[in-house]
């Protein structure tokens, strides 16, 4: 690994982050991790993350009618195409089980081209395991081609038999209750769910900012595609900026552990660079939405950048830790 922190340096680690107690998941958390793996195994087996149909032709009924989606570049024709990758706490917990991860070439997405493989040190896995908690939603990031296939299914509504439409729709994950039903999940996979009394697992398709950065991990003879670890960190920073004032104590604890884990994998400069890109693209998306919502107004109000407002709010909070403050200052200087 490169020498850590040659240009930027965060505040020193708090002493308790190096103690054995903070590094170890509880027995309950270990049970959740075991259940999460069973849950993910069922989900990706039922809704594949990779589409081997490189011609992107999908059936729309049982009579042989098909639709060909927009042509992907010739360079990608021989490659499998990604449907979606897992994100959020589910991705963190799966990473805690992995001994290594392989970066996927972001320039080739949604085609899958493998890049460099990196080890996940034991200390990083132990720290990430302490993030184990019941899953409220199935967080995933769909690719544009997965969205295109879903759109074709939606467009077929009322054009044929209703049962045909329902069968086609069942092949995809949908926002809301469009995931697995609890009665179809293996018993071991239900232990990781926060709302085990509801009939369906809620699905939450997430917006990716910047390039879609994906990592492949291998667990018990199965491949999983998750958000790349540095991107997981970047989104944690974005979430912190948006919501720190609501749960400062929780963010202080989680951020310290996640930063310690990511320091086992990346340099300061690498973490700051990716975080800066995610925050910049998030700001760009907000500005584009502002223009769209105000395009018909004769005197369009000026857009006020959100990230500086978020940062100033965190800086002003009395509970902000030195680590968080130093990170945000490093992002501002970069």
Protein backbone atom coordinates (compact mmCIF):
# COMPACT_ATOMS: atom_id res chain seq x y z
CA UNK A 1 0.00 0.00 0.00
CA UNK A 2 1.23 3.57 -0.67
CA UNK A 3 2.46 5.60 2.28
CA UNK A 4 -0.57 7.11 3.95
CA UNK A 5 -1.30 10.81 3.92
CA UNK A 6 1.53 12.46 2.00
CA UNK A 7 -0.41 15.58 1.13
CA UNK A 8 -3.46 15.67 3.39
CA UNK A 9 -3.53 14.51 6.96
CA UNK A 10 -6.60 14.00 9.07
CA UNK A 11 -6.64 14.54 12.80
CA UNK A 12 -5.04 11.71 14.83
CA UNK A 13 -7.17 8.66 15.48
CA UNK A 14 -9.03 8.73 18.76
CA UNK A 15 -7.45 6.20 21.17
CA UNK A 16 -10.61 4.10 21.54
CA UNK A 17 -10.64 3.28 17.80
CA UNK A 18 -7.54 1.14 18.24
CA UNK A 19 -8.84 -0.83 21.22
CA UNK A 20 -9.99 -4.40 20.87
CA UNK A 21 -13.48 -3.57 22.06
CA UNK A 22 -14.26 -1.16 19.23
CA UNK A 23 -12.83 -3.57 16.66
CA UNK A 24 -15.01 -6.55 17.53
CA UNK A 25 -18.56 -7.17 16.39
CA UNK A 26 -20.94 -8.47 19.03
CA UNK A 27 -22.42 -12.00 18.75
CA UNK A 28 -25.68 -10.39 17.61
CA UNK A 29 -23.83 -8.50 14.89
CA UNK A 30 -22.12 -11.71 13.75
CA UNK A 31 -25.56 -13.31 13.41
CA UNK A 32 -26.71 -10.35 11.31
CA UNK A 33 -23.64 -10.70 9.07
CA UNK A 34 -24.38 -14.38 8.51
CA UNK A 35 -28.00 -13.56 7.72
CA UNK A 36 -27.03 -10.71 5.36
CA UNK A 37 -24.97 -13.08 3.28
CA UNK A 38 -27.90 -15.48 3.00
CA UNK A 39 -30.21 -12.59 2.12
CA UNK A 40 -27.85 -11.30 -0.59
CA UNK A 41 -27.39 -14.80 -1.97
CA UNK A 42 -31.13 -15.14 -2.43
CA UNK A 43 -31.55 -11.66 -3.95
CA UNK A 44 -28.82 -11.96 -6.59
CA UNK A 45 -29.90 -15.51 -7.37
CA UNK A 46 -33.47 -14.35 -7.91
CA UNK A 47 -32.59 -11.04 -9.62
CA UNK A 48 -29.20 -11.47 -11.35
CA UNK A 49 -26.79 -8.57 -11.15
CA UNK A 50 -25.30 -9.44 -14.53
CA UNK A 51 -27.10 -9.83 -17.86
CA UNK A 52 -25.40 -12.31 -20.19
CA UNK A 53 -27.79 -11.27 -22.99
CA UNK A 54 -25.31 -8.91 -24.65
CA UNK A 55 -27.64 -8.22 -27.58
CA UNK A 56 -30.00 -6.61 -25.08
CA UNK A 57 -33.10 -8.27 -26.54
CA UNK A 58 -35.92 -8.85 -24.08
CA UNK A 59 -39.23 -10.71 -24.44
CA UNK A 60 -42.43 -8.73 -23.97
CA UNK A 61 -44.95 -11.57 -24.13
CA UNK A 62 -45.22 -15.34 -24.38
CA UNK A 63 -45.76 -15.29 -28.15
CA UNK A 64 -42.17 -14.68 -29.18
CA UNK A 65 -42.44 -10.90 -29.37
CA UNK A 66 -39.18 -9.21 -28.43
CA UNK A 67 -37.80 -5.69 -28.22
CA UNK A 68 -34.18 -4.75 -28.83
CA UNK A 69 -32.84 -2.08 -26.52
CA UNK A 70 -30.46 0.69 -27.62
CA UNK A 71 -27.28 -0.74 -29.06
CA UNK A 72 -24.30 -0.76 -26.74
CA UNK A 73 -20.85 0.13 -28.14
CA UNK A 74 -19.13 -2.52 -30.24
CA UNK A 75 -16.27 -2.71 -27.74
CA UNK A 76 -18.74 -3.95 -25.14
CA UNK A 77 -20.63 -6.45 -27.27
CA UNK A 78 -18.63 -9.42 -26.03
CA UNK A 79 -18.95 -8.44 -22.37
CA UNK A 80 -21.64 -9.27 -19.85
CA UNK A 81 -23.67 -6.22 -18.89
CA UNK A 82 -24.39 -5.09 -15.34
CA UNK A 83 -27.98 -4.75 -14.18
CA UNK A 84 -27.38 -3.24 -10.75
CA UNK A 85 -24.99 -3.24 -7.82
CA UNK A 86 -25.66 -3.28 -4.10
CA UNK A 87 -25.13 -0.21 -1.96
CA UNK A 88 -25.79 1.15 1.53
CA UNK A 89 -25.39 -0.88 4.71
CA UNK A 90 -25.88 -4.12 2.79
CA UNK A 91 -22.74 -3.41 0.75
CA UNK A 92 -20.76 -2.49 3.89
CA UNK A 93 -21.70 -5.74 5.61
CA UNK A 94 -20.86 -7.86 2.58
CA UNK A 95 -17.48 -6.12 2.31
CA UNK A 96 -16.86 -7.04 5.97
CA UNK A 97 -17.03 -10.71 4.90
CA UNK A 98 -14.67 -10.40 1.94
CA UNK A 99 -10.93 -11.03 1.96
CA UNK A 100 -10.42 -9.00 -1.21
CA UNK A 101 -12.25 -6.90 -3.79
CA UNK A 102 -11.70 -6.36 -7.50
CA UNK A 103 -12.28 -2.94 -9.01
CA UNK A 104 -14.42 -2.92 -12.14
CA UNK A 105 -13.30 -0.60 -14.93
CA UNK A 106 -15.62 2.39 -14.53
CA UNK A 107 -14.90 3.57 -18.08
CA UNK A 108 -16.47 0.41 -19.51
CA UNK A 109 -19.66 0.37 -17.44
CA UNK A 110 -22.18 -1.18 -17.79
CA UNK A 111 -19.92 -3.78 -19.44
CA UNK A 112 -17.88 -5.68 -16.85
CA UNK A 113 -14.12 -5.39 -17.23
CA UNK A 114 -12.04 -6.33 -14.22
CA UNK A 115 -9.29 -4.06 -12.94
CA UNK A 116 -7.00 -4.33 -9.93
CA UNK A 117 -7.67 -6.68 -7.02
CA UNK A 118 -6.96 -5.40 -3.50
CA UNK A 119 -6.87 -7.26 -0.19
CA UNK A 120 -9.23 -6.31 2.61
CA UNK A 121 -7.02 -6.45 5.73
CA UNK A 122 -8.34 -8.19 8.82
CA UNK A 123 -8.48 -4.93 10.80
CA UNK A 124 -10.67 -3.36 8.10
CA UNK A 125 -13.00 -6.36 8.13
CA UNK A 126 -13.29 -6.24 11.92
CA UNK A 127 -14.10 -2.53 11.88
CA UNK A 128 -16.66 -2.93 9.09
CA UNK A 129 -18.29 -5.82 10.96
CA UNK A 130 -19.19 -3.42 13.76
CA UNK A 131 -21.51 -1.67 11.27
CA UNK A 132 -23.75 -4.76 11.22
CA UNK A 133 -27.33 -3.71 11.83
CA UNK A 134 -30.77 -4.83 10.62
CA UNK A 135 -31.52 -3.88 7.02
CA UNK A 136 -34.52 -1.60 6.50
CA UNK A 137 -34.40 -1.43 2.68
CA UNK A 138 -32.68 -3.17 -0.16
CA UNK A 139 -30.43 -0.37 -1.47
CA UNK A 140 -29.18 -0.83 -5.02
CA UNK A 141 -27.95 1.28 -7.94
CA UNK A 142 -29.51 0.30 -11.30
CA UNK A 143 -27.59 0.91 -14.50
CA UNK A 144 -29.15 2.84 -17.37
CA UNK A 145 -29.64 -0.42 -19.29
CA UNK A 146 -31.50 -1.99 -16.37
CA UNK A 147 -33.74 1.08 -16.25
CA UNK A 148 -34.29 0.80 -20.00
CA UNK A 149 -35.45 -2.80 -19.67
CA UNK A 150 -37.78 -1.82 -16.86
CA UNK A 151 -39.20 0.99 -18.99
CA UNK A 152 -40.03 -1.47 -21.77
CA UNK A 153 -41.86 -3.68 -19.29
CA UNK A 154 -43.83 -0.71 -17.99
CA UNK A 155 -44.69 0.34 -21.54
CA UNK A 156 -46.19 -3.09 -22.18
CA UNK A 157 -48.87 -2.57 -19.50
CA UNK A 158 -52.39 -3.18 -20.88
CA UNK A 159 -50.95 -4.14 -24.29
CA UNK A 160 -51.31 -7.83 -23.60
CA UNK A 161 -52.49 -10.26 -21.01
CA UNK A 162 -52.19 -9.01 -17.44
CA UNK A 163 -50.55 -12.22 -16.21
CA UNK A 164 -47.89 -11.84 -18.91
CA UNK A 165 -47.18 -8.33 -17.74
CA UNK A 166 -46.92 -9.48 -14.12
CA UNK A 167 -44.51 -12.28 -15.08
CA UNK A 168 -42.32 -9.82 -16.97
CA UNK A 169 -42.42 -7.32 -14.11
CA UNK A 170 -41.41 -9.99 -11.59
CA UNK A 171 -38.04 -10.30 -13.32
CA UNK A 172 -36.92 -6.91 -11.98
CA UNK A 173 -36.44 -5.07 -8.73
CA UNK A 174 -38.77 -2.10 -8.35
CA UNK A 175 -38.92 0.86 -6.01
CA UNK A 176 -41.05 0.21 -2.94
CA UNK A 177 -42.29 -3.33 -2.43
CA UNK A 178 -40.84 -4.68 -5.64
CA UNK A 179 -38.39 -7.05 -4.00
CA UNK A 180 -38.64 -10.43 -2.30
CA UNK A 181 -41.62 -11.32 -0.16
CA UNK A 182 -40.82 -12.52 3.32
CA UNK A 183 -42.55 -15.85 2.82
CA UNK A 184 -40.22 -16.71 -0.06
CA UNK A 185 -37.00 -15.87 1.83
CA UNK A 186 -35.07 -18.62 3.62
CA UNK A 187 -35.50 -18.39 7.38
CA UNK A 188 -31.83 -17.56 7.90
CA UNK A 189 -32.09 -14.62 5.52
CA UNK A 190 -34.88 -12.98 7.52
CA UNK A 191 -32.82 -12.40 10.66
CA UNK A 192 -31.10 -9.37 9.14
CA UNK A 193 -34.33 -7.54 8.32
CA UNK A 194 -35.51 -4.62 10.43
CA UNK A 195 -39.19 -5.02 9.53
CA UNK A 196 -39.66 -8.76 9.54
CA UNK A 197 -43.42 -8.38 10.10
CA UNK A 198 -44.12 -6.79 6.70
CA UNK A 199 -45.00 -8.84 3.65
CA UNK A 200 -42.37 -7.46 1.24
CA UNK A 201 -38.81 -6.19 1.49
CA UNK A 202 -38.78 -2.54 0.49
CA UNK A 203 -36.42 -1.66 -2.40
CA UNK A 204 -34.69 1.68 -2.78
CA UNK A 205 -32.99 2.37 -6.15
CA UNK A 206 -30.33 4.99 -5.46
CA UNK A 207 -28.91 7.77 -7.60
CA UNK A 208 -25.15 7.52 -8.18
CA UNK A 209 -23.16 10.74 -8.35
CA UNK A 210 -20.06 10.79 -10.49
CA UNK A 211 -18.92 7.59 -12.22
CA UNK A 212 -20.51 4.29 -11.21
CA UNK A 213 -17.63 2.80 -9.22
CA UNK A 214 -18.17 -0.89 -8.58
CA UNK A 215 -16.25 -3.63 -6.80
CA UNK A 216 -16.65 -7.39 -7.16
CA UNK A 217 -16.31 -9.58 -4.09
CA UNK A 218 -16.43 -13.36 -3.87
CA UNK A 219 -18.17 -15.12 -0.98
CA UNK A 220 -18.85 -18.84 -0.78
CA UNK A 221 -18.67 -19.57 -4.52
CA UNK A 222 -20.76 -16.54 -5.52
CA UNK A 223 -19.79 -13.14 -6.93
CA UNK A 224 -21.41 -9.97 -5.64
CA UNK A 225 -21.16 -6.49 -7.10
CA UNK A 226 -21.21 -3.68 -4.56
CA UNK A 227 -20.32 0.00 -4.43
CA UNK A 228 -16.53 0.41 -4.36
CA UNK A 229 -15.21 0.99 -0.82
CA UNK A 230 -13.94 4.52 -1.50
CA UNK A 231 -17.36 5.39 -2.90
CA UNK A 232 -19.03 3.94 0.19
CA UNK A 233 -16.90 6.35 2.21
CA UNK A 234 -17.77 9.29 -0.06
CA UNK A 235 -21.50 8.71 0.31
CA UNK A 236 -21.08 8.45 4.07
CA UNK A 237 -19.53 11.93 3.97
CA UNK A 238 -22.41 13.24 1.85
CA UNK A 239 -24.95 11.67 4.23
CA UNK A 240 -23.10 13.20 7.18
CA UNK A 241 -23.22 16.66 5.60
CA UNK A 242 -26.94 16.36 5.00
CA UNK A 243 -27.96 14.88 8.36
CA UNK A 244 -25.25 15.50 10.97
CA UNK A 245 -27.45 17.83 13.02
CA UNK A 246 -30.03 15.05 13.49
CA UNK A 247 -27.70 12.37 14.92
CA UNK A 248 -24.28 13.88 15.76
CA UNK A 249 -23.30 11.19 18.28
CA UNK A 250 -24.05 8.35 15.85
CA UNK A 251 -22.20 10.08 13.01
CA UNK A 252 -19.18 10.72 15.23
CA UNK A 253 -18.92 7.02 16.12
CA UNK A 254 -19.69 5.65 12.64
CA UNK A 255 -17.42 8.09 10.85
CA UNK A 256 -14.47 7.33 13.10
CA UNK A 257 -14.80 3.57 12.51
CA UNK A 258 -15.39 3.88 8.77
CA UNK A 259 -12.44 6.21 8.35
CA UNK A 260 -10.22 3.81 10.28
CA UNK A 261 -11.36 0.93 8.03
CA UNK A 262 -10.86 2.91 4.81
CA UNK A 263 -7.38 3.97 5.95
CA UNK A 264 -6.47 0.28 5.66
CA UNK A 265 -7.39 0.42 1.96
CA UNK A 266 -6.66 3.94 0.65
CA UNK A 267 -4.48 6.99 1.16
CA UNK A 268 -5.86 10.30 2.38
CA UNK A 269 -5.50 11.77 -1.11
CA UNK A 270 -7.46 8.92 -2.70
CA UNK A 271 -10.33 9.24 -0.25
CA UNK A 272 -10.48 13.02 -0.60
CA UNK A 273 -10.32 12.91 -4.39
CA UNK A 274 -13.26 10.51 -4.77
CA UNK A 275 -15.27 12.31 -2.09
CA UNK A 276 -14.67 15.61 -3.83
CA UNK A 277 -15.91 14.14 -7.13
CA UNK A 278 -19.09 12.74 -5.55
CA UNK A 279 -19.86 16.02 -3.76
CA UNK A 280 -19.22 18.04 -6.93
CA UNK A 281 -21.53 15.86 -9.02
CA UNK A 282 -24.19 15.99 -6.29
CA UNK A 283 -23.98 19.81 -6.41
CA UNK A 284 -24.23 19.76 -10.20
CA UNK A 285 -27.36 17.58 -10.01
CA UNK A 286 -28.99 19.96 -7.55
CA UNK A 287 -28.19 22.95 -9.74
CA UNK A 288 -29.63 21.20 -12.81
CA UNK A 289 -32.80 20.43 -10.88
CA UNK A 290 -33.01 24.06 -9.75
CA UNK A 291 -32.80 25.26 -13.36
CA UNK A 292 -35.44 22.76 -14.47
CA UNK A 293 -37.88 23.74 -11.73
CA UNK A 294 -37.47 27.45 -12.44
CA UNK A 295 -37.11 27.47 -16.22
CA UNK A 296 -40.56 29.03 -16.74
CA UNK A 297 -40.07 31.83 -14.25
CA UNK A 298 -39.23 35.21 -15.85
CA UNK A 299 -36.74 36.08 -13.12
CA UNK A 300 -35.07 32.81 -12.31
CA UNK A 301 -33.62 32.89 -8.77
CA UNK A 302 -29.90 32.32 -8.44
CA UNK A 303 -28.81 28.88 -7.32
CA UNK A 304 -27.27 28.73 -3.85
CA UNK A 305 -24.65 25.99 -3.57
CA UNK A 306 -25.70 23.37 -1.03
CA UNK A 307 -22.39 21.76 -0.04
CA UNK A 308 -20.88 24.93 1.50
CA UNK A 309 -24.12 25.45 3.46
CA UNK A 310 -23.96 21.85 4.74
CA UNK A 311 -20.29 22.21 5.66
CA UNK A 312 -20.81 25.45 7.55
CA UNK A 313 -23.63 23.85 9.50
CA UNK A 314 -21.38 20.95 10.53
CA UNK A 315 -18.50 23.30 11.41
CA UNK A 316 -20.85 25.29 13.65
CA UNK A 317 -22.19 22.27 15.52
CA UNK A 318 -20.71 21.93 19.02
CA UNK A 319 -20.38 18.13 18.76
CA UNK A 320 -18.32 18.06 15.55
CA UNK A 321 -15.17 15.99 16.12
CA UNK A 322 -11.65 16.98 15.13
CA UNK A 323 -11.58 14.13 12.59
CA UNK A 324 -14.71 15.32 10.81
CA UNK A 325 -13.62 18.93 10.91
CA UNK A 326 -10.19 18.10 9.47
CA UNK A 327 -11.68 16.01 6.67
CA UNK A 328 -14.06 18.77 5.58
CA UNK A 329 -11.26 21.33 5.70
CA UNK A 330 -9.12 19.02 3.53
CA UNK A 331 -11.93 18.73 1.00
CA UNK A 332 -12.26 22.51 0.91
CA UNK A 333 -8.51 22.90 0.26
CA UNK A 334 -8.34 20.28 -2.45
